Amino acid sequence: MLLLLLLGMSLIRRAVWVSETLLPSLYNASTVAFGVCLFILLPLCIFRKTLGFAGACCLGTAPHLVLSSYVPLPDRGRYLDMAA
């Protein structure tokens, strides 16, 4: 029973670490990837010769965009201001 409790606490601490360190950089990378897909690759889909390349690149960035948009970034100052 104690082992399960320690395992749960370890998972929560790691989740907090991931949300504090990795998510801001994932958010920045997903913003760049979305901009590239929208403004560069999407217009390439108009032409038949570049359709396969643009489609493959957009599908390649899709998991990254989903991963970074799944968990919202914490806004630390906002919650403190509301409580005061």
PDB file of N, CA and C in Angstrom:
ATOM      1  N   MET A   1       0.828  -1.184   0.000  1.00  0.00           N
ATOM      2  CA  MET A   1       0.000   0.000   0.000  1.00  0.00           C
ATOM      3  C   MET A   1       0.882   1.261   0.000  1.00  0.00           C
ATOM      4  N   LEU A   2       1.919   1.220   0.784  1.00  0.00           N
ATOM      5  CA  LEU A   2       2.835   2.347   0.850  1.00  0.00           C
ATOM      6  C   LEU A   2       3.556   2.547  -0.482  1.00  0.00           C
ATOM      7  N   LEU A   3       3.871   1.455  -1.141  1.00  0.00           N
ATOM      8  CA  LEU A   3       4.529   1.524  -2.444  1.00  0.00           C
ATOM      9  C   LEU A   3       3.631   2.211  -3.477  1.00  0.00           C
ATOM     10  N   LEU A   4       2.362   1.909  -3.463  1.00  0.00           N
ATOM     11  CA  LEU A   4       1.427   2.562  -4.382  1.00  0.00           C
ATOM     12  C   LEU A   4       1.300   4.050  -4.089  1.00  0.00           C
ATOM     13  N   LEU A   5       1.310   4.407  -2.833  1.00  0.00           N
ATOM     14  CA  LEU A   5       1.244   5.818  -2.460  1.00  0.00           C
ATOM     15  C   LEU A   5       2.490   6.568  -2.926  1.00  0.00           C
ATOM     16  N   LEU A   6       3.652   5.971  -2.733  1.00  0.00           N
ATOM     17  CA  LEU A   6       4.897   6.597  -3.185  1.00  0.00           C
ATOM     18  C   LEU A   6       4.954   6.695  -4.705  1.00  0.00           C
ATOM     19  N   LEU A   7       4.455   5.705  -5.393  1.00  0.00           N
ATOM     20  CA  LEU A   7       4.418   5.735  -6.847  1.00  0.00           C
ATOM     21  C   LEU A   7       3.502   6.853  -7.346  1.00  0.00           C
ATOM     22  N   GLY A   8       2.358   7.006  -6.717  1.00  0.00           N
ATOM     23  CA  GLY A   8       1.443   8.086  -7.084  1.00  0.00           C
ATOM     24  C   GLY A   8       2.045   9.458  -6.847  1.00  0.00           C
ATOM     25  N   MET A   9       2.728   9.624  -5.730  1.00  0.00           N
ATOM     26  CA  MET A   9       3.368  10.912  -5.440  1.00  0.00           C
ATOM     27  C   MET A   9       4.478  11.203  -6.441  1.00  0.00           C
ATOM     28  N   SER A  10       5.214  10.179  -6.838  1.00  0.00           N
ATOM     29  CA  SER A  10       6.277  10.349  -7.823  1.00  0.00           C
ATOM     30  C   SER A  10       5.702  10.778  -9.176  1.00  0.00           C
ATOM     31  N   LEU A  11       4.602  10.186  -9.580  1.00  0.00           N
ATOM     32  CA  LEU A  11       3.971  10.553 -10.853  1.00  0.00           C
ATOM     33  C   LEU A  11       3.460  11.989 -10.837  1.00  0.00           C
ATOM     34  N   ILE A  12       2.921  12.419  -9.719  1.00  0.00           N
ATOM     35  CA  ILE A  12       2.428  13.794  -9.615  1.00  0.00           C
ATOM     36  C   ILE A  12       3.587  14.780  -9.681  1.00  0.00           C
ATOM     37  N   ARG A  13       4.687  14.477  -9.002  1.00  0.00           N
ATOM     38  CA  ARG A  13       5.850  15.368  -9.057  1.00  0.00           C
ATOM     39  C   ARG A  13       6.420  15.464 -10.463  1.00  0.00           C
ATOM     40  N   ARG A  14       6.458  14.350 -11.170  1.00  0.00           N
ATOM     41  CA  ARG A  14       6.959  14.382 -12.546  1.00  0.00           C
ATOM     42  C   ARG A  14       6.021  15.139 -13.464  1.00  0.00           C
ATOM     43  N   ALA A  15       4.733  15.032 -13.239  1.00  0.00           N
ATOM     44  CA  ALA A  15       3.775  15.776 -14.058  1.00  0.00           C
ATOM     45  C   ALA A  15       3.937  17.277 -13.843  1.00  0.00           C
ATOM     46  N   VAL A  16       4.196  17.682 -12.633  1.00  0.00           N
ATOM     47  CA  VAL A  16       4.437  19.091 -12.349  1.00  0.00           C
ATOM     48  C   VAL A  16       5.722  19.555 -13.029  1.00  0.00           C
ATOM     49  N   TRP A  17       6.752  18.734 -12.984  1.00  0.00           N
ATOM     50  CA  TRP A  17       8.015  19.081 -13.641  1.00  0.00           C
ATOM     51  C   TRP A  17       7.826  19.225 -15.143  1.00  0.00           C
ATOM     52  N   VAL A  18       7.086  18.319 -15.746  1.00  0.00           N
ATOM     53  CA  VAL A  18       6.836  18.391 -17.189  1.00  0.00           C
ATOM     54  C   VAL A  18       6.072  19.655 -17.529  1.00  0.00           C
ATOM     55  N   SER A  19       5.061  19.982 -16.746  1.00  0.00           N
ATOM     56  CA  SER A  19       4.265  21.164 -17.052  1.00  0.00           C
ATOM     57  C   SER A  19       5.053  22.459 -16.861  1.00  0.00           C
ATOM     58  N   GLU A  20       6.037  22.459 -15.980  1.00  0.00           N
ATOM     59  CA  GLU A  20       6.817  23.673 -15.762  1.00  0.00           C
ATOM     60  C   GLU A  20       7.970  23.829 -16.733  1.00  0.00           C
ATOM     61  N   THR A  21       8.575  22.734 -17.173  1.00  0.00           N
ATOM     62  CA  THR A  21       9.782  22.850 -17.988  1.00  0.00           C
ATOM     63  C   THR A  21       9.550  22.561 -19.469  1.00  0.00           C
ATOM     64  N   LEU A  22       8.814  21.538 -19.792  1.00  0.00           N
ATOM     65  CA  LEU A  22       8.684  21.151 -21.189  1.00  0.00           C
ATOM     66  C   LEU A  22       7.561  21.865 -21.934  1.00  0.00           C
ATOM     67  N   LEU A  23       6.466  22.134 -21.288  1.00  0.00           N
ATOM     68  CA  LEU A  23       5.320  22.693 -22.002  1.00  0.00           C
ATOM     69  C   LEU A  23       5.556  24.086 -22.585  1.00  0.00           C
ATOM     70  N   PRO A  24       6.269  24.993 -21.927  1.00  0.00           N
ATOM     71  CA  PRO A  24       6.518  26.282 -22.581  1.00  0.00           C
ATOM     72  C   PRO A  24       7.296  26.154 -23.888  1.00  0.00           C
ATOM     73  N   SER A  25       8.287  25.280 -23.928  1.00  0.00           N
ATOM     74  CA  SER A  25       9.038  25.108 -25.175  1.00  0.00           C
ATOM     75  C   SER A  25       8.209  24.380 -26.216  1.00  0.00           C
ATOM     76  N   LEU A  26       7.373  23.436 -25.804  1.00  0.00           N
ATOM     77  CA  LEU A  26       6.473  22.784 -26.755  1.00  0.00           C
ATOM     78  C   LEU A  26       5.467  23.771 -27.322  1.00  0.00           C
ATOM     79  N   TYR A  27       5.005  24.696 -26.506  1.00  0.00           N
ATOM     80  CA  TYR A  27       4.070  25.706 -26.978  1.00  0.00           C
ATOM     81  C   TYR A  27       4.717  26.595 -28.037  1.00  0.00           C
ATOM     82  N   ASN A  28       5.945  27.011 -27.799  1.00  0.00           N
ATOM     83  CA  ASN A  28       6.643  27.847 -28.782  1.00  0.00           C
ATOM     84  C   ASN A  28       6.890  27.079 -30.079  1.00  0.00           C
ATOM     85  N   ALA A  29       7.305  25.841 -29.975  1.00  0.00           N
ATOM     86  CA  ALA A  29       7.553  25.032 -31.173  1.00  0.00           C
ATOM     87  C   ALA A  29       6.266  24.768 -31.938  1.00  0.00           C
ATOM     88  N   SER A  30       5.173  24.544 -31.238  1.00  0.00           N
ATOM     89  CA  SER A  30       3.914  24.299 -31.941  1.00  0.00           C
ATOM     90  C   SER A  30       3.392  25.561 -32.616  1.00  0.00           C
ATOM     91  N   THR A  31       3.667  26.728 -32.051  1.00  0.00           N
ATOM     92  CA  THR A  31       3.274  27.979 -32.701  1.00  0.00           C
ATOM     93  C   THR A  31       4.025  28.152 -34.015  1.00  0.00           C
ATOM     94  N   VAL A  32       5.303  27.850 -34.015  1.00  0.00           N
ATOM     95  CA  VAL A  32       6.093  27.937 -35.248  1.00  0.00           C
ATOM     96  C   VAL A  32       5.619  26.899 -36.261  1.00  0.00           C
ATOM     97  N   ALA A  33       5.379  25.670 -35.816  1.00  0.00           N
ATOM     98  CA  ALA A  33       4.934  24.607 -36.724  1.00  0.00           C
ATOM     99  C   ALA A  33       3.572  24.937 -37.326  1.00  0.00           C
ATOM    100  N   PHE A  34       2.680  25.497 -36.526  1.00  0.00           N
ATOM    101  CA  PHE A  34       1.368  25.868 -37.046  1.00  0.00           C
ATOM    102  C   PHE A  34       1.486  26.989 -38.074  1.00  0.00           C
ATOM    103  N   GLY A  35       2.354  27.958 -37.816  1.00  0.00           N
ATOM    104  CA  GLY A  35       2.560  29.036 -38.776  1.00  0.00           C
ATOM    105  C   GLY A  35       3.131  28.535 -40.089  1.00  0.00           C
ATOM    106  N   VAL A  36       4.076  27.595 -40.009  1.00  0.00           N
ATOM    107  CA  VAL A  36       4.657  27.024 -41.226  1.00  0.00           C
ATOM    108  C   VAL A  36       3.601  26.248 -42.000  1.00  0.00           C
ATOM    109  N   CYS A  37       2.799  25.468 -41.302  1.00  0.00           N
ATOM    110  CA  CYS A  37       1.738  24.703 -41.986  1.00  0.00           C
ATOM    111  C   CYS A  37       0.726  25.635 -42.636  1.00  0.00           C
ATOM    112  N   LEU A  38       0.347  26.663 -41.933  1.00  0.00           N
ATOM    113  CA  LEU A  38      -0.707  27.537 -42.425  1.00  0.00           C
ATOM    114  C   LEU A  38      -0.249  28.427 -43.568  1.00  0.00           C
ATOM    115  N   PHE A  39       0.922  29.032 -43.446  1.00  0.00           N
ATOM    116  CA  PHE A  39       1.338  30.046 -44.417  1.00  0.00           C
ATOM    117  C   PHE A  39       2.264  29.520 -45.516  1.00  0.00           C
ATOM    118  N   ILE A  40       2.897  28.376 -45.310  1.00  0.00           N
ATOM    119  CA  ILE A  40       3.820  27.854 -46.334  1.00  0.00           C
ATOM    120  C   ILE A  40       3.282  26.576 -46.962  1.00  0.00           C
ATOM    121  N   LEU A  41       2.932  25.597 -46.139  1.00  0.00           N
ATOM    122  CA  LEU A  41       2.548  24.299 -46.679  1.00  0.00           C
ATOM    123  C   LEU A  41       1.126  24.272 -47.230  1.00  0.00           C
ATOM    124  N   LEU A  42       0.218  24.988 -46.613  1.00  0.00           N
ATOM    125  CA  LEU A  42      -1.157  24.989 -47.114  1.00  0.00           C
ATOM    126  C   LEU A  42      -1.263  25.589 -48.513  1.00  0.00           C
ATOM    127  N   PRO A  43      -0.605  26.711 -48.821  1.00  0.00           N
ATOM    128  CA  PRO A  43      -0.636  27.187 -50.209  1.00  0.00           C
ATOM    129  C   PRO A  43       0.051  26.234 -51.196  1.00  0.00           C
ATOM    130  N   LEU A  44       1.009  25.430 -50.742  1.00  0.00           N
ATOM    131  CA  LEU A  44       1.648  24.456 -51.626  1.00  0.00           C
ATOM    132  C   LEU A  44       0.684  23.341 -52.034  1.00  0.00           C
ATOM    133  N   CYS A  45      -0.382  23.151 -51.268  1.00  0.00           N
ATOM    134  CA  CYS A  45      -1.362  22.118 -51.609  1.00  0.00           C
ATOM    135  C   CYS A  45      -2.172  22.477 -52.855  1.00  0.00           C
ATOM    136  N   ILE A  46      -2.115  23.708 -53.290  1.00  0.00           N
ATOM    137  CA  ILE A  46      -2.844  24.124 -54.495  1.00  0.00           C
ATOM    138  C   ILE A  46      -2.253  23.445 -55.727  1.00  0.00           C
ATOM    139  N   PHE A  47      -0.940  23.321 -55.766  1.00  0.00           N
ATOM    140  CA  PHE A  47      -0.255  22.769 -56.937  1.00  0.00           C
ATOM    141  C   PHE A  47      -0.138  21.256 -56.803  1.00  0.00           C
ATOM    142  N   ARG A  48      -0.395  20.553 -57.877  1.00  0.00           N
ATOM    143  CA  ARG A  48      -0.413  19.102 -57.861  1.00  0.00           C
ATOM    144  C   ARG A  48       0.973  18.500 -57.575  1.00  0.00           C
ATOM    145  N   LYS A  49       2.027  19.125 -58.048  1.00  0.00           N
ATOM    146  CA  LYS A  49       3.374  18.566 -57.855  1.00  0.00           C
ATOM    147  C   LYS A  49       3.821  18.639 -56.396  1.00  0.00           C
ATOM    148  N   THR A  50       3.380  19.619 -55.676  1.00  0.00           N
ATOM    149  CA  THR A  50       3.819  19.782 -54.286  1.00  0.00           C
ATOM    150  C   THR A  50       2.780  19.314 -53.279  1.00  0.00           C
ATOM    151  N   LEU A  51       1.667  18.769 -53.754  1.00  0.00           N
ATOM    152  CA  LEU A  51       0.589  18.349 -52.857  1.00  0.00           C
ATOM    153  C   LEU A  51       1.040  17.241 -51.906  1.00  0.00           C
ATOM    154  N   GLY A  52       1.735  16.245 -52.410  1.00  0.00           N
ATOM    155  CA  GLY A  52       2.179  15.133 -51.561  1.00  0.00           C
ATOM    156  C   GLY A  52       3.175  15.569 -50.504  1.00  0.00           C
ATOM    157  N   PHE A  53       4.112  16.427 -50.885  1.00  0.00           N
ATOM    158  CA  PHE A  53       5.107  16.921 -49.936  1.00  0.00           C
ATOM    159  C   PHE A  53       4.453  17.741 -48.828  1.00  0.00           C
ATOM    160  N   ALA A  54       3.575  18.659 -49.224  1.00  0.00           N
ATOM    161  CA  ALA A  54       2.932  19.522 -48.235  1.00  0.00           C
ATOM    162  C   ALA A  54       2.019  18.724 -47.315  1.00  0.00           C
ATOM    163  N   GLY A  55       1.297  17.765 -47.866  1.00  0.00           N
ATOM    164  CA  GLY A  55       0.423  16.931 -47.044  1.00  0.00           C
ATOM    165  C   GLY A  55       1.190  16.088 -46.055  1.00  0.00           C
ATOM    166  N   ALA A  56       2.320  15.514 -46.512  1.00  0.00           N
ATOM    167  CA  ALA A  56       3.141  14.696 -45.611  1.00  0.00           C
ATOM    168  C   ALA A  56       3.743  15.537 -44.498  1.00  0.00           C
ATOM    169  N   CYS A  57       4.170  16.735 -44.818  1.00  0.00           N
ATOM    170  CA  CYS A  57       4.740  17.606 -43.778  1.00  0.00           C
ATOM    171  C   CYS A  57       3.690  18.031 -42.766  1.00  0.00           C
ATOM    172  N   CYS A  58       2.493  18.345 -43.234  1.00  0.00           N
ATOM    173  CA  CYS A  58       1.423  18.716 -42.298  1.00  0.00           C
ATOM    174  C   CYS A  58       1.040  17.535 -41.403  1.00  0.00           C
ATOM    175  N   LEU A  59       0.986  16.342 -41.981  1.00  0.00           N
ATOM    176  CA  LEU A  59       0.693  15.164 -41.165  1.00  0.00           C
ATOM    177  C   LEU A  59       1.820  14.849 -40.198  1.00  0.00           C
ATOM    178  N   GLY A  60       3.041  15.184 -40.559  1.00  0.00           N
ATOM    179  CA  GLY A  60       4.170  14.957 -39.668  1.00  0.00           C
ATOM    180  C   GLY A  60       4.163  15.866 -38.454  1.00  0.00           C
ATOM    181  N   THR A  61       3.631  17.066 -38.600  1.00  0.00           N
ATOM    182  CA  THR A  61       3.580  17.991 -37.471  1.00  0.00           C
ATOM    183  C   THR A  61       2.304  17.854 -36.650  1.00  0.00           C
ATOM    184  N   ALA A  62       1.347  17.098 -37.130  1.00  0.00           N
ATOM    185  CA  ALA A  62       0.060  16.982 -36.430  1.00  0.00           C
ATOM    186  C   ALA A  62       0.190  16.415 -35.013  1.00  0.00           C
ATOM    187  N   PRO A  63       0.946  15.349 -34.780  1.00  0.00           N
ATOM    188  CA  PRO A  63       1.040  14.849 -33.395  1.00  0.00           C
ATOM    189  C   PRO A  63       1.667  15.866 -32.435  1.00  0.00           C
ATOM    190  N   HIS A  64       2.627  16.627 -32.918  1.00  0.00           N
ATOM    191  CA  HIS A  64       3.251  17.643 -32.077  1.00  0.00           C
ATOM    192  C   HIS A  64       2.247  18.741 -31.724  1.00  0.00           C
ATOM    193  N   LEU A  65       1.443  19.143 -32.686  1.00  0.00           N
ATOM    194  CA  LEU A  65       0.449  20.177 -32.421  1.00  0.00           C
ATOM    195  C   LEU A  65      -0.602  19.689 -31.434  1.00  0.00           C
ATOM    196  N   VAL A  66      -1.013  18.447 -31.572  1.00  0.00           N
ATOM    197  CA  VAL A  66      -2.010  17.886 -30.647  1.00  0.00           C
ATOM    198  C   VAL A  66      -1.429  17.775 -29.242  1.00  0.00           C
ATOM    199  N   LEU A  67      -0.200  17.317 -29.139  1.00  0.00           N
ATOM    200  CA  LEU A  67       0.427  17.158 -27.827  1.00  0.00           C
ATOM    201  C   LEU A  67       0.566  18.487 -27.100  1.00  0.00           C
ATOM    202  N   SER A  68       0.971  19.515 -27.814  1.00  0.00           N
ATOM    203  CA  SER A  68       1.197  20.789 -27.140  1.00  0.00           C
ATOM    204  C   SER A  68      -0.087  21.558 -26.882  1.00  0.00           C
ATOM    205  N   SER A  69      -1.154  21.248 -27.580  1.00  0.00           N
ATOM    206  CA  SER A  69      -2.406  21.963 -27.339  1.00  0.00           C
ATOM    207  C   SER A  69      -3.297  21.232 -26.345  1.00  0.00           C
ATOM    208  N   TYR A  70      -2.930  20.028 -25.950  1.00  0.00           N
ATOM    209  CA  TYR A  70      -3.763  19.241 -25.050  1.00  0.00           C
ATOM    210  C   TYR A  70      -3.769  19.803 -23.636  1.00  0.00           C
ATOM    211  N   VAL A  71      -2.630  20.233 -23.153  1.00  0.00           N
ATOM    212  CA  VAL A  71      -2.511  20.751 -21.793  1.00  0.00           C
ATOM    213  C   VAL A  71      -2.267  22.256 -21.868  1.00  0.00           C
ATOM    214  N   PRO A  72      -3.148  23.068 -21.282  1.00  0.00           N
ATOM    215  CA  PRO A  72      -2.929  24.520 -21.353  1.00  0.00           C
ATOM    216  C   PRO A  72      -1.777  24.962 -20.460  1.00  0.00           C
ATOM    217  N   LEU A  73      -1.144  26.043 -20.860  1.00  0.00           N
ATOM    218  CA  LEU A  73      -0.056  26.594 -20.058  1.00  0.00           C
ATOM    219  C   LEU A  73      -0.618  27.309 -18.838  1.00  0.00           C
ATOM    220  N   PRO A  74       0.017  27.157 -17.684  1.00  0.00           N
ATOM    221  CA  PRO A  74      -0.466  27.855 -16.498  1.00  0.00           C
ATOM    222  C   PRO A  74      -0.131  29.337 -16.564  1.00  0.00           C
ATOM    223  N   ASP A  75      -1.064  30.141 -16.144  1.00  0.00           N
ATOM    224  CA  ASP A  75      -0.843  31.577 -16.044  1.00  0.00           C
ATOM    225  C   ASP A  75      -0.754  31.890 -14.558  1.00  0.00           C
ATOM    226  N   ARG A  76       0.445  31.960 -14.059  1.00  0.00           N
ATOM    227  CA  ARG A  76       0.645  32.023 -12.609  1.00  0.00           C
ATOM    228  C   ARG A  76       0.186  33.328 -11.992  1.00  0.00           C
ATOM    229  N   GLY A  77       0.449  34.436 -12.631  1.00  0.00           N
ATOM    230  CA  GLY A  77       0.089  35.715 -12.048  1.00  0.00           C
ATOM    231  C   GLY A  77      -1.401  35.971 -12.024  1.00  0.00           C
ATOM    232  N   ARG A  78      -2.113  35.414 -12.954  1.00  0.00           N
ATOM    233  CA  ARG A  78      -3.551  35.650 -13.056  1.00  0.00           C
ATOM    234  C   ARG A  78      -4.300  35.115 -11.838  1.00  0.00           C
ATOM    235  N   TYR A  79      -3.939  33.927 -11.388  1.00  0.00           N
ATOM    236  CA  TYR A  79      -4.637  33.349 -10.251  1.00  0.00           C
ATOM    237  C   TYR A  79      -4.313  34.075  -8.962  1.00  0.00           C
ATOM    238  N   LEU A  80      -3.104  34.566  -8.848  1.00  0.00           N
ATOM    239  CA  LEU A  80      -2.739  35.305  -7.648  1.00  0.00           C
ATOM    240  C   LEU A  80      -3.467  36.648  -7.566  1.00  0.00           C
ATOM    241  N   ASP A  81      -3.655  37.301  -8.717  1.00  0.00           N
ATOM    242  CA  ASP A  81      -4.338  38.582  -8.731  1.00  0.00           C
ATOM    243  C   ASP A  81      -5.820  38.421  -8.401  1.00  0.00           C
ATOM    244  N   MET A  82      -6.423  37.320  -8.819  1.00  0.00           N
ATOM    245  CA  MET A  82      -7.841  37.106  -8.569  1.00  0.00           C
ATOM    246  C   MET A  82      -8.109  36.824  -7.100  1.00  0.00           C
ATOM    247  N   ALA A  83      -7.148  36.208  -6.411  1.00  0.00           N
ATOM    248  CA  ALA A  83      -7.345  35.867  -5.013  1.00  0.00           C
ATOM    249  C   ALA A  83      -7.188  37.073  -4.100  1.00  0.00           C
ATOM    250  N   ALA A  84      -6.440  38.070  -4.544  1.00  0.00           N
ATOM    251  CA  ALA A  84      -6.177  39.227  -3.684  1.00  0.00           C
ATOM    252  C   ALA A  84      -7.338  40.193  -3.630  1.00  0.00           C
TER     253      ALA A  84
END
